[in-house]
Amino acid sequence: ADIGSQKDRVVTEEEWLQKWEMGNIGFHKEQGHPLLRKYLDVLLSGRSGLRIFFPLCGKAVEMKWLADMGHSVVGVEVSEQALKEFFSEHSLPYCEEPVPEISGAKKLQSTSGNISLYCCSIYDLSSSIVGKFDGVWDRGALVAVNPCDRQRYVSLMITLMEKNSAYLLVTVSYDPNKHKGPPFYVPEPEIKSLFG
């Protein structure tokens, strides 16, 4: 399939914020994603107490699920509304603090300390701010990133991964000439070349 029709498509931060404000969040899964349950062993490979990263996390219910298993979860999302909804929908107390290294960014952290959600652009993060991760659950992140930013996104993700970390990636397959995205169509050869 030709991705020509999507190559130059850009969705702005404002558009994402607007989706949250309008409740136009068809991408949010109330029950969590069945593929995470199915491939959880691949992500954890028998290890406990992992640090797991949720890029463009929204209010993913899986964050609480994994934290309840004893893992520590870090997410990043531009919509503060999404992050606050996550904490309120799970009745989780949290505190809020600025992130000194990133102008205007906030970190919302569960009082128990095992869930830390950064409200900022993912491109403002670095391993010096958030550390490195044993696992990544990328459901709706790579496919939401503007096609022109994919390389930048993947390069960042690689710097956030520990040597033996597992990366679970969910993509969508469809004819990109019939749908302008997001979610964007990312062909398998491109995924292979991006992650190397």
N, C-alpha and C. Protein backbone atom coordinates (compact mmCIF):
# COMPACT_ATOMS: atom_id res chain seq x y z
N ALA A 1 0.84 -1.20 0.00
CA ALA A 1 0.00 0.00 0.00
C ALA A 1 0.88 1.24 0.00
N ASP A 2 0.40 2.24 -0.68
CA ASP A 2 1.16 3.49 -0.80
C ASP A 2 0.77 4.42 0.34
N ILE A 3 1.76 4.93 1.06
CA ILE A 3 1.40 5.82 2.17
C ILE A 3 1.49 7.28 1.75
N GLY A 4 1.61 7.51 0.46
CA GLY A 4 1.75 8.87 -0.06
C GLY A 4 0.74 9.86 0.48
N SER A 5 -0.50 9.41 0.59
CA SER A 5 -1.56 10.32 1.02
C SER A 5 -1.39 10.78 2.46
N GLN A 6 -0.63 10.01 3.27
CA GLN A 6 -0.47 10.37 4.68
C GLN A 6 0.88 11.01 5.00
N LYS A 7 1.81 10.87 4.07
CA LYS A 7 3.19 11.25 4.34
C LYS A 7 3.32 12.64 4.97
N ASP A 8 2.54 13.59 4.46
CA ASP A 8 2.71 14.98 4.90
C ASP A 8 1.67 15.43 5.92
N ARG A 9 0.86 14.48 6.38
CA ARG A 9 -0.20 14.85 7.33
C ARG A 9 0.41 15.21 8.68
N VAL A 10 -0.08 16.32 9.24
CA VAL A 10 0.40 16.76 10.54
C VAL A 10 -0.80 17.03 11.44
N VAL A 11 -0.79 16.42 12.61
CA VAL A 11 -1.82 16.70 13.60
C VAL A 11 -1.14 17.51 14.69
N THR A 12 -1.67 18.69 14.99
CA THR A 12 -1.01 19.56 15.97
C THR A 12 -1.37 19.15 17.40
N GLU A 13 -0.56 19.64 18.32
CA GLU A 13 -0.81 19.41 19.74
C GLU A 13 -2.19 19.95 20.12
N GLU A 14 -2.55 21.11 19.54
CA GLU A 14 -3.86 21.72 19.82
C GLU A 14 -4.99 20.77 19.42
N GLU A 15 -4.82 20.11 18.26
CA GLU A 15 -5.86 19.18 17.80
C GLU A 15 -6.03 18.01 18.77
N TRP A 16 -4.91 17.52 19.32
CA TRP A 16 -5.01 16.42 20.29
C TRP A 16 -5.71 16.90 21.57
N LEU A 17 -5.36 18.10 22.02
CA LEU A 17 -5.98 18.65 23.23
C LEU A 17 -7.48 18.81 23.01
N GLN A 18 -7.84 19.23 21.79
CA GLN A 18 -9.24 19.43 21.45
C GLN A 18 -10.00 18.10 21.46
N LYS A 19 -9.36 17.02 20.97
CA LYS A 19 -10.00 15.70 21.00
C LYS A 19 -10.38 15.34 22.43
N TRP A 20 -9.45 15.61 23.38
CA TRP A 20 -9.75 15.30 24.79
C TRP A 20 -10.86 16.18 25.32
N GLU A 21 -10.79 17.48 24.99
CA GLU A 21 -11.82 18.41 25.47
C GLU A 21 -13.21 18.03 24.97
N MET A 22 -13.28 17.60 23.70
CA MET A 22 -14.56 17.27 23.08
C MET A 22 -15.01 15.84 23.43
N GLY A 23 -14.14 15.09 24.09
CA GLY A 23 -14.47 13.70 24.39
C GLY A 23 -14.41 12.83 23.14
N ASN A 24 -13.65 13.32 22.14
CA ASN A 24 -13.53 12.59 20.87
C ASN A 24 -12.35 11.62 20.98
N ILE A 25 -12.49 10.62 21.86
CA ILE A 25 -11.36 9.75 22.18
C ILE A 25 -11.69 8.28 21.93
N GLY A 26 -12.11 8.00 20.70
CA GLY A 26 -12.44 6.65 20.30
C GLY A 26 -11.27 5.69 20.48
N PHE A 27 -10.06 6.24 20.58
CA PHE A 27 -8.86 5.41 20.74
C PHE A 27 -8.71 4.89 22.17
N HIS A 28 -9.46 5.47 23.13
CA HIS A 28 -9.34 5.02 24.52
C HIS A 28 -10.11 3.72 24.72
N LYS A 29 -9.47 2.74 25.36
CA LYS A 29 -10.13 1.46 25.61
C LYS A 29 -10.45 1.32 27.10
N GLU A 30 -11.76 1.35 27.42
CA GLU A 30 -12.19 1.27 28.83
C GLU A 30 -11.72 -0.03 29.50
N GLN A 31 -11.67 -1.11 28.74
CA GLN A 31 -11.36 -2.41 29.33
C GLN A 31 -9.88 -2.78 29.24
N GLY A 32 -9.07 -1.88 28.74
CA GLY A 32 -7.67 -2.24 28.52
C GLY A 32 -7.57 -3.00 27.22
N HIS A 33 -6.37 -3.15 26.72
CA HIS A 33 -6.17 -3.74 25.41
C HIS A 33 -5.95 -5.24 25.51
N PRO A 34 -6.75 -6.03 24.75
CA PRO A 34 -6.60 -7.49 24.82
C PRO A 34 -5.20 -7.97 24.42
N LEU A 35 -4.53 -7.23 23.54
CA LEU A 35 -3.19 -7.67 23.11
C LEU A 35 -2.15 -7.56 24.23
N LEU A 36 -2.37 -6.62 25.16
CA LEU A 36 -1.43 -6.52 26.27
C LEU A 36 -1.57 -7.75 27.17
N ARG A 37 -2.81 -8.14 27.42
CA ARG A 37 -3.03 -9.36 28.22
C ARG A 37 -2.41 -10.57 27.52
N LYS A 38 -2.65 -10.65 26.21
CA LYS A 38 -2.18 -11.79 25.44
C LYS A 38 -0.65 -11.88 25.43
N TYR A 39 0.02 -10.74 25.31
CA TYR A 39 1.49 -10.76 25.18
C TYR A 39 2.21 -10.25 26.42
N LEU A 40 1.50 -10.23 27.55
CA LEU A 40 2.12 -9.71 28.77
C LEU A 40 3.42 -10.44 29.10
N ASP A 41 3.44 -11.76 28.89
CA ASP A 41 4.65 -12.54 29.19
C ASP A 41 5.84 -12.08 28.37
N VAL A 42 5.57 -11.67 27.14
CA VAL A 42 6.65 -11.18 26.27
C VAL A 42 7.24 -9.90 26.87
N LEU A 43 6.35 -9.04 27.36
CA LEU A 43 6.79 -7.77 27.94
C LEU A 43 7.56 -7.99 29.23
N LEU A 44 7.04 -8.85 30.09
CA LEU A 44 7.63 -9.04 31.42
C LEU A 44 8.73 -10.09 31.44
N SER A 45 8.65 -11.06 30.56
CA SER A 45 9.52 -12.24 30.53
C SER A 45 9.94 -12.71 31.92
N GLY A 46 8.92 -12.94 32.74
CA GLY A 46 9.16 -13.51 34.07
C GLY A 46 9.74 -12.56 35.10
N ARG A 47 9.95 -11.30 34.71
CA ARG A 47 10.58 -10.36 35.64
C ARG A 47 9.53 -9.60 36.42
N SER A 48 9.88 -9.21 37.65
CA SER A 48 8.94 -8.42 38.45
C SER A 48 9.57 -7.08 38.77
N GLY A 49 8.74 -6.14 39.22
CA GLY A 49 9.24 -4.82 39.61
C GLY A 49 9.89 -4.05 38.48
N LEU A 50 9.34 -4.17 37.28
CA LEU A 50 9.92 -3.48 36.13
C LEU A 50 9.49 -2.01 36.07
N ARG A 51 10.26 -1.23 35.33
CA ARG A 51 9.84 0.14 34.99
C ARG A 51 9.27 0.07 33.58
N ILE A 52 8.01 0.45 33.45
CA ILE A 52 7.34 0.32 32.16
C ILE A 52 6.88 1.69 31.67
N PHE A 53 7.19 1.97 30.41
CA PHE A 53 6.89 3.28 29.83
C PHE A 53 5.68 3.21 28.91
N PHE A 54 4.79 4.17 29.07
CA PHE A 54 3.61 4.33 28.22
C PHE A 54 3.75 5.64 27.45
N PRO A 55 4.26 5.61 26.22
CA PRO A 55 4.34 6.85 25.44
C PRO A 55 2.94 7.29 25.01
N LEU A 56 2.66 8.59 25.03
CA LEU A 56 1.36 9.15 24.65
C LEU A 56 0.25 8.35 25.33
N CYS A 57 0.31 8.32 26.67
CA CYS A 57 -0.47 7.36 27.46
C CYS A 57 -1.96 7.64 27.54
N GLY A 58 -2.38 8.89 27.32
CA GLY A 58 -3.79 9.19 27.52
C GLY A 58 -4.17 8.82 28.95
N LYS A 59 -5.29 8.12 29.10
CA LYS A 59 -5.68 7.66 30.44
C LYS A 59 -5.77 6.13 30.45
N ALA A 60 -4.81 5.50 29.79
CA ALA A 60 -4.82 4.04 29.62
C ALA A 60 -5.00 3.30 30.94
N VAL A 61 -6.03 2.46 30.99
CA VAL A 61 -6.32 1.71 32.22
C VAL A 61 -5.22 0.70 32.54
N GLU A 62 -4.47 0.29 31.53
CA GLU A 62 -3.38 -0.68 31.75
C GLU A 62 -2.30 -0.15 32.68
N MET A 63 -2.22 1.17 32.81
CA MET A 63 -1.19 1.73 33.69
C MET A 63 -1.46 1.30 35.13
N LYS A 64 -2.72 1.37 35.55
CA LYS A 64 -3.06 0.95 36.91
C LYS A 64 -2.89 -0.57 37.05
N TRP A 65 -3.34 -1.29 36.04
CA TRP A 65 -3.24 -2.75 36.03
C TRP A 65 -1.80 -3.21 36.27
N LEU A 66 -0.85 -2.62 35.54
CA LEU A 66 0.56 -3.01 35.69
C LEU A 66 1.13 -2.53 37.03
N ALA A 67 0.72 -1.34 37.46
CA ALA A 67 1.19 -0.82 38.75
C ALA A 67 0.70 -1.73 39.88
N ASP A 68 -0.55 -2.21 39.76
CA ASP A 68 -1.11 -3.10 40.78
C ASP A 68 -0.36 -4.43 40.84
N MET A 69 0.32 -4.78 39.74
CA MET A 69 1.12 -6.02 39.72
C MET A 69 2.49 -5.81 40.35
N GLY A 70 2.78 -4.57 40.72
CA GLY A 70 4.07 -4.30 41.36
C GLY A 70 5.11 -3.65 40.46
N HIS A 71 4.70 -3.24 39.26
CA HIS A 71 5.64 -2.56 38.37
C HIS A 71 5.53 -1.06 38.59
N SER A 72 6.56 -0.33 38.20
CA SER A 72 6.39 1.12 38.27
C SER A 72 6.20 1.63 36.85
N VAL A 73 5.22 2.52 36.72
CA VAL A 73 4.74 2.95 35.41
C VAL A 73 5.03 4.43 35.23
N VAL A 74 5.55 4.77 34.05
CA VAL A 74 5.77 6.17 33.70
C VAL A 74 5.08 6.41 32.37
N GLY A 75 4.31 7.49 32.31
CA GLY A 75 3.63 7.82 31.06
C GLY A 75 3.91 9.27 30.68
N VAL A 76 3.67 9.58 29.42
CA VAL A 76 3.76 10.97 28.97
C VAL A 76 2.57 11.26 28.07
N GLU A 77 2.02 12.46 28.21
CA GLU A 77 0.80 12.83 27.50
C GLU A 77 0.70 14.35 27.48
N VAL A 78 0.29 14.94 26.35
CA VAL A 78 0.15 16.41 26.31
C VAL A 78 -1.10 16.90 27.02
N SER A 79 -2.11 16.04 27.12
CA SER A 79 -3.38 16.49 27.71
C SER A 79 -3.40 16.28 29.22
N GLU A 80 -3.39 17.39 29.94
CA GLU A 80 -3.48 17.32 31.40
C GLU A 80 -4.84 16.75 31.81
N GLN A 81 -5.85 17.07 31.03
CA GLN A 81 -7.19 16.56 31.29
C GLN A 81 -7.18 15.03 31.29
N ALA A 82 -6.52 14.42 30.31
CA ALA A 82 -6.45 12.96 30.22
C ALA A 82 -5.82 12.38 31.49
N LEU A 83 -4.73 13.00 31.94
CA LEU A 83 -4.01 12.49 33.11
C LEU A 83 -4.86 12.62 34.37
N LYS A 84 -5.54 13.76 34.52
CA LYS A 84 -6.38 13.95 35.70
C LYS A 84 -7.56 12.99 35.68
N GLU A 85 -8.11 12.73 34.49
CA GLU A 85 -9.20 11.76 34.38
C GLU A 85 -8.71 10.37 34.78
N PHE A 86 -7.47 10.04 34.41
CA PHE A 86 -6.92 8.73 34.79
C PHE A 86 -6.96 8.57 36.31
N PHE A 87 -6.42 9.56 37.02
CA PHE A 87 -6.37 9.46 38.48
C PHE A 87 -7.77 9.46 39.10
N SER A 88 -8.67 10.32 38.58
CA SER A 88 -9.99 10.37 39.20
C SER A 88 -10.81 9.11 38.89
N GLU A 89 -10.70 8.58 37.67
CA GLU A 89 -11.48 7.40 37.32
C GLU A 89 -11.04 6.16 38.11
N HIS A 90 -9.81 6.16 38.58
CA HIS A 90 -9.32 5.03 39.39
C HIS A 90 -9.29 5.37 40.88
N SER A 91 -9.84 6.54 41.23
CA SER A 91 -9.84 7.02 42.62
C SER A 91 -8.45 6.95 43.23
N LEU A 92 -7.46 7.37 42.46
CA LEU A 92 -6.08 7.34 42.94
C LEU A 92 -5.67 8.74 43.37
N PRO A 93 -5.25 8.90 44.64
CA PRO A 93 -4.73 10.21 45.04
C PRO A 93 -3.37 10.45 44.37
N TYR A 94 -3.11 11.71 44.05
CA TYR A 94 -1.83 12.03 43.39
C TYR A 94 -1.39 13.43 43.79
N CYS A 95 -0.12 13.69 43.56
CA CYS A 95 0.36 15.05 43.77
C CYS A 95 0.96 15.54 42.45
N GLU A 96 1.08 16.83 42.35
CA GLU A 96 1.49 17.47 41.11
C GLU A 96 2.72 18.30 41.40
N GLU A 97 3.71 18.22 40.53
CA GLU A 97 4.89 19.08 40.72
C GLU A 97 5.44 19.50 39.37
N PRO A 98 6.12 20.64 39.33
CA PRO A 98 6.72 21.05 38.05
C PRO A 98 7.91 20.15 37.72
N VAL A 99 8.27 20.09 36.45
CA VAL A 99 9.46 19.36 36.01
C VAL A 99 10.49 20.44 35.67
N PRO A 100 11.48 20.63 36.56
CA PRO A 100 12.39 21.77 36.41
C PRO A 100 13.08 21.84 35.04
N GLU A 101 13.38 20.66 34.46
CA GLU A 101 14.13 20.65 33.19
C GLU A 101 13.27 21.03 31.98
N ILE A 102 11.93 21.00 32.14
CA ILE A 102 11.05 21.26 30.99
C ILE A 102 10.10 22.40 31.32
N SER A 103 10.24 23.49 30.60
CA SER A 103 9.40 24.65 30.84
C SER A 103 7.92 24.32 30.68
N GLY A 104 7.12 24.62 31.70
CA GLY A 104 5.68 24.42 31.63
C GLY A 104 5.20 22.99 31.86
N ALA A 105 6.13 22.05 31.99
CA ALA A 105 5.73 20.65 32.18
C ALA A 105 5.36 20.38 33.63
N LYS A 106 4.51 19.36 33.82
CA LYS A 106 4.13 18.93 35.17
C LYS A 106 4.31 17.43 35.26
N LYS A 107 4.57 16.98 36.49
CA LYS A 107 4.56 15.54 36.74
C LYS A 107 3.44 15.27 37.73
N LEU A 108 2.53 14.37 37.36
CA LEU A 108 1.46 13.96 38.26
C LEU A 108 1.83 12.56 38.74
N GLN A 109 2.00 12.44 40.05
CA GLN A 109 2.48 11.17 40.59
C GLN A 109 1.51 10.64 41.63
N SER A 110 1.20 9.34 41.51
CA SER A 110 0.31 8.72 42.50
C SER A 110 0.98 8.81 43.86
N THR A 111 0.18 8.97 44.89
CA THR A 111 0.71 9.11 46.25
C THR A 111 1.55 7.89 46.62
N SER A 112 1.16 6.73 46.08
CA SER A 112 1.94 5.51 46.35
C SER A 112 3.28 5.53 45.60
N GLY A 113 3.42 6.43 44.65
CA GLY A 113 4.71 6.62 43.98
C GLY A 113 4.98 5.70 42.80
N ASN A 114 4.08 4.74 42.52
CA ASN A 114 4.39 3.80 41.45
C ASN A 114 3.86 4.18 40.07
N ILE A 115 3.16 5.32 39.99
CA ILE A 115 2.70 5.82 38.69
C ILE A 115 3.10 7.29 38.57
N SER A 116 3.94 7.60 37.59
CA SER A 116 4.37 8.98 37.35
C SER A 116 4.01 9.36 35.93
N LEU A 117 3.17 10.37 35.78
CA LEU A 117 2.73 10.78 34.46
C LEU A 117 3.17 12.20 34.16
N TYR A 118 3.89 12.35 33.06
CA TYR A 118 4.43 13.65 32.67
C TYR A 118 3.48 14.32 31.69
N CYS A 119 3.13 15.56 31.99
CA CYS A 119 2.29 16.33 31.09
C CYS A 119 3.18 17.28 30.30
N CYS A 120 3.52 16.86 29.07
CA CYS A 120 4.40 17.66 28.20
C CYS A 120 4.47 16.95 26.85
N SER A 121 5.21 17.52 25.95
CA SER A 121 5.47 16.85 24.68
C SER A 121 6.46 15.72 24.93
N ILE A 122 6.24 14.60 24.29
CA ILE A 122 7.17 13.47 24.46
C ILE A 122 8.58 13.87 24.05
N TYR A 123 8.68 14.79 23.09
CA TYR A 123 10.01 15.18 22.58
C TYR A 123 10.80 16.02 23.57
N ASP A 124 10.14 16.44 24.67
CA ASP A 124 10.85 17.17 25.71
C ASP A 124 11.49 16.22 26.72
N LEU A 125 11.12 14.95 26.66
CA LEU A 125 11.66 13.98 27.62
C LEU A 125 13.04 13.49 27.19
N SER A 126 13.81 13.03 28.17
CA SER A 126 15.08 12.38 27.89
C SER A 126 15.35 11.42 29.03
N SER A 127 16.32 10.52 28.83
CA SER A 127 16.60 9.55 29.89
C SER A 127 17.15 10.24 31.14
N SER A 128 17.73 11.45 30.99
CA SER A 128 18.22 12.14 32.19
C SER A 128 17.06 12.63 33.05
N ILE A 129 15.88 12.79 32.46
CA ILE A 129 14.70 13.23 33.21
C ILE A 129 13.89 12.04 33.71
N VAL A 130 13.63 11.07 32.84
CA VAL A 130 12.74 9.96 33.21
C VAL A 130 13.44 8.63 33.47
N GLY A 131 14.75 8.58 33.20
CA GLY A 131 15.45 7.31 33.38
C GLY A 131 15.23 6.39 32.20
N LYS A 132 15.59 5.11 32.39
CA LYS A 132 15.42 4.12 31.31
C LYS A 132 14.42 3.07 31.74
N PHE A 133 13.91 2.33 30.74
CA PHE A 133 12.80 1.42 30.99
C PHE A 133 13.10 -0.02 30.59
N ASP A 134 12.48 -0.93 31.36
CA ASP A 134 12.61 -2.36 31.09
C ASP A 134 11.59 -2.81 30.06
N GLY A 135 10.52 -2.02 29.92
CA GLY A 135 9.48 -2.39 28.98
C GLY A 135 8.75 -1.16 28.47
N VAL A 136 8.26 -1.26 27.23
CA VAL A 136 7.47 -0.18 26.63
C VAL A 136 6.19 -0.79 26.08
N TRP A 137 5.06 -0.18 26.40
CA TRP A 137 3.78 -0.57 25.81
C TRP A 137 3.37 0.55 24.88
N ASP A 138 3.60 0.35 23.59
CA ASP A 138 3.32 1.36 22.57
C ASP A 138 2.04 0.98 21.84
N ARG A 139 0.92 1.42 22.39
CA ARG A 139 -0.36 1.14 21.77
C ARG A 139 -0.96 2.49 21.40
N GLY A 140 -0.88 2.81 20.14
CA GLY A 140 -1.46 4.08 19.73
C GLY A 140 -0.49 5.25 19.81
N ALA A 141 0.81 4.97 20.03
CA ALA A 141 1.77 6.08 20.05
C ALA A 141 2.46 6.21 18.69
N LEU A 142 3.20 5.18 18.27
CA LEU A 142 3.86 5.27 16.96
C LEU A 142 2.84 5.59 15.86
N VAL A 143 1.65 5.03 15.96
CA VAL A 143 0.64 5.26 14.92
C VAL A 143 -0.03 6.63 15.04
N ALA A 144 0.23 7.34 16.16
CA ALA A 144 -0.35 8.67 16.34
C ALA A 144 0.65 9.77 16.01
N VAL A 145 1.93 9.41 16.08
CA VAL A 145 2.98 10.39 15.80
C VAL A 145 2.87 10.80 14.32
N ASN A 146 3.06 12.08 14.05
CA ASN A 146 3.03 12.54 12.66
C ASN A 146 4.10 11.78 11.86
N PRO A 147 3.74 11.32 10.64
CA PRO A 147 4.69 10.54 9.84
C PRO A 147 6.07 11.20 9.73
N CYS A 148 6.10 12.54 9.63
CA CYS A 148 7.40 13.23 9.49
C CYS A 148 8.23 13.17 10.77
N ASP A 149 7.59 12.81 11.91
CA ASP A 149 8.31 12.76 13.19
C ASP A 149 8.68 11.35 13.63
N ARG A 150 8.35 10.36 12.81
CA ARG A 150 8.56 8.97 13.24
C ARG A 150 10.01 8.67 13.63
N GLN A 151 10.94 9.12 12.79
CA GLN A 151 12.35 8.83 13.06
C GLN A 151 12.78 9.45 14.39
N ARG A 152 12.35 10.68 14.61
CA ARG A 152 12.67 11.39 15.84
C ARG A 152 12.08 10.66 17.05
N TYR A 153 10.85 10.19 16.90
CA TYR A 153 10.17 9.47 17.96
C TYR A 153 10.92 8.17 18.30
N VAL A 154 11.20 7.38 17.27
CA VAL A 154 11.87 6.09 17.50
C VAL A 154 13.27 6.29 18.08
N SER A 155 13.99 7.29 17.58
CA SER A 155 15.33 7.56 18.11
C SER A 155 15.26 7.86 19.60
N LEU A 156 14.26 8.64 20.01
CA LEU A 156 14.07 8.95 21.43
C LEU A 156 13.76 7.67 22.20
N MET A 157 12.82 6.87 21.69
CA MET A 157 12.42 5.64 22.38
C MET A 157 13.62 4.73 22.61
N ILE A 158 14.48 4.64 21.62
CA ILE A 158 15.65 3.77 21.75
C ILE A 158 16.56 4.25 22.89
N THR A 159 16.67 5.57 23.05
CA THR A 159 17.52 6.09 24.14
C THR A 159 16.90 5.85 25.51
N LEU A 160 15.59 5.56 25.56
CA LEU A 160 14.92 5.36 26.84
C LEU A 160 14.88 3.89 27.26
N MET A 161 15.43 3.02 26.42
CA MET A 161 15.33 1.58 26.69
C MET A 161 16.60 1.01 27.31
N GLU A 162 16.39 0.19 28.35
CA GLU A 162 17.50 -0.57 28.93
C GLU A 162 17.95 -1.61 27.91
N LYS A 163 19.16 -2.16 28.14
CA LYS A 163 19.73 -3.14 27.22
C LYS A 163 18.77 -4.30 26.90
N ASN A 164 18.16 -4.88 27.95
CA ASN A 164 17.33 -6.07 27.71
C ASN A 164 15.84 -5.76 27.77
N SER A 165 15.47 -4.55 27.37
CA SER A 165 14.06 -4.21 27.52
C SER A 165 13.22 -4.79 26.38
N ALA A 166 11.94 -4.95 26.67
CA ALA A 166 10.99 -5.47 25.68
C ALA A 166 10.10 -4.32 25.22
N TYR A 167 9.80 -4.30 23.93
CA TYR A 167 8.99 -3.22 23.36
C TYR A 167 7.80 -3.86 22.67
N LEU A 168 6.62 -3.66 23.23
CA LEU A 168 5.41 -4.19 22.59
C LEU A 168 4.77 -3.07 21.79
N LEU A 169 4.64 -3.30 20.49
CA LEU A 169 4.12 -2.28 19.58
C LEU A 169 2.85 -2.78 18.92
N VAL A 170 1.78 -1.97 18.99
CA VAL A 170 0.55 -2.30 18.28
C VAL A 170 0.39 -1.30 17.14
N THR A 171 0.21 -1.83 15.93
CA THR A 171 -0.05 -0.94 14.79
C THR A 171 -1.40 -1.33 14.19
N VAL A 172 -1.83 -0.57 13.20
CA VAL A 172 -3.09 -0.85 12.53
C VAL A 172 -2.82 -1.04 11.05
N SER A 173 -3.54 -1.97 10.46
CA SER A 173 -3.34 -2.25 9.05
C SER A 173 -4.60 -1.87 8.29
N TYR A 174 -4.46 -1.01 7.30
CA TYR A 174 -5.60 -0.62 6.46
C TYR A 174 -5.06 0.07 5.22
N ASP A 175 -5.93 0.39 4.30
CA ASP A 175 -5.53 1.10 3.09
C ASP A 175 -5.41 2.59 3.40
N PRO A 176 -4.17 3.11 3.44
CA PRO A 176 -3.97 4.51 3.85
C PRO A 176 -4.55 5.53 2.87
N ASN A 177 -4.96 5.07 1.69
CA ASN A 177 -5.59 6.01 0.76
C ASN A 177 -7.06 6.23 1.10
N LYS A 178 -7.59 5.40 1.99
CA LYS A 178 -9.02 5.52 2.33
C LYS A 178 -9.23 6.23 3.67
N HIS A 179 -8.15 6.46 4.40
CA HIS A 179 -8.27 7.06 5.74
C HIS A 179 -7.05 7.93 5.95
N LYS A 180 -7.25 9.17 6.39
CA LYS A 180 -6.09 10.07 6.47
C LYS A 180 -5.31 9.95 7.78
N GLY A 181 -5.87 9.22 8.76
CA GLY A 181 -5.17 9.09 10.03
C GLY A 181 -5.33 10.34 10.88
N PRO A 182 -4.95 10.27 12.14
CA PRO A 182 -4.48 9.11 12.89
C PRO A 182 -5.63 8.18 13.26
N PRO A 183 -5.35 6.90 13.60
CA PRO A 183 -4.02 6.29 13.59
C PRO A 183 -3.48 6.19 12.17
N PHE A 184 -2.19 6.37 12.06
CA PHE A 184 -1.54 6.28 10.76
C PHE A 184 -1.14 4.84 10.47
N TYR A 185 -1.04 4.57 9.18
CA TYR A 185 -0.59 3.25 8.73
C TYR A 185 0.94 3.27 8.72
N VAL A 186 1.55 2.33 9.44
CA VAL A 186 3.01 2.22 9.43
C VAL A 186 3.36 0.83 8.90
N PRO A 187 3.81 0.76 7.65
CA PRO A 187 4.08 -0.55 7.06
C PRO A 187 5.20 -1.28 7.81
N GLU A 188 5.14 -2.61 7.80
CA GLU A 188 6.11 -3.40 8.53
C GLU A 188 7.58 -3.12 8.14
N PRO A 189 7.87 -3.00 6.84
CA PRO A 189 9.28 -2.70 6.48
C PRO A 189 9.77 -1.39 7.10
N GLU A 190 8.86 -0.42 7.23
CA GLU A 190 9.25 0.85 7.83
C GLU A 190 9.52 0.67 9.32
N ILE A 191 8.70 -0.16 9.99
CA ILE A 191 8.93 -0.43 11.41
C ILE A 191 10.31 -1.04 11.59
N LYS A 192 10.64 -2.01 10.73
CA LYS A 192 11.95 -2.68 10.81
C LYS A 192 13.08 -1.69 10.58
N SER A 193 12.91 -0.79 9.61
CA SER A 193 14.01 0.14 9.35
C SER A 193 14.10 1.19 10.45
N LEU A 194 12.97 1.59 11.03
CA LEU A 194 12.99 2.59 12.10
C LEU A 194 13.70 2.05 13.35
N PHE A 195 13.33 0.83 13.76
CA PHE A 195 13.89 0.27 14.99
C PHE A 195 15.22 -0.45 14.76
N GLY A 196 15.51 -0.78 13.50
CA GLY A 196 16.82 -1.35 13.16
C GLY A 196 16.99 -2.80 13.56
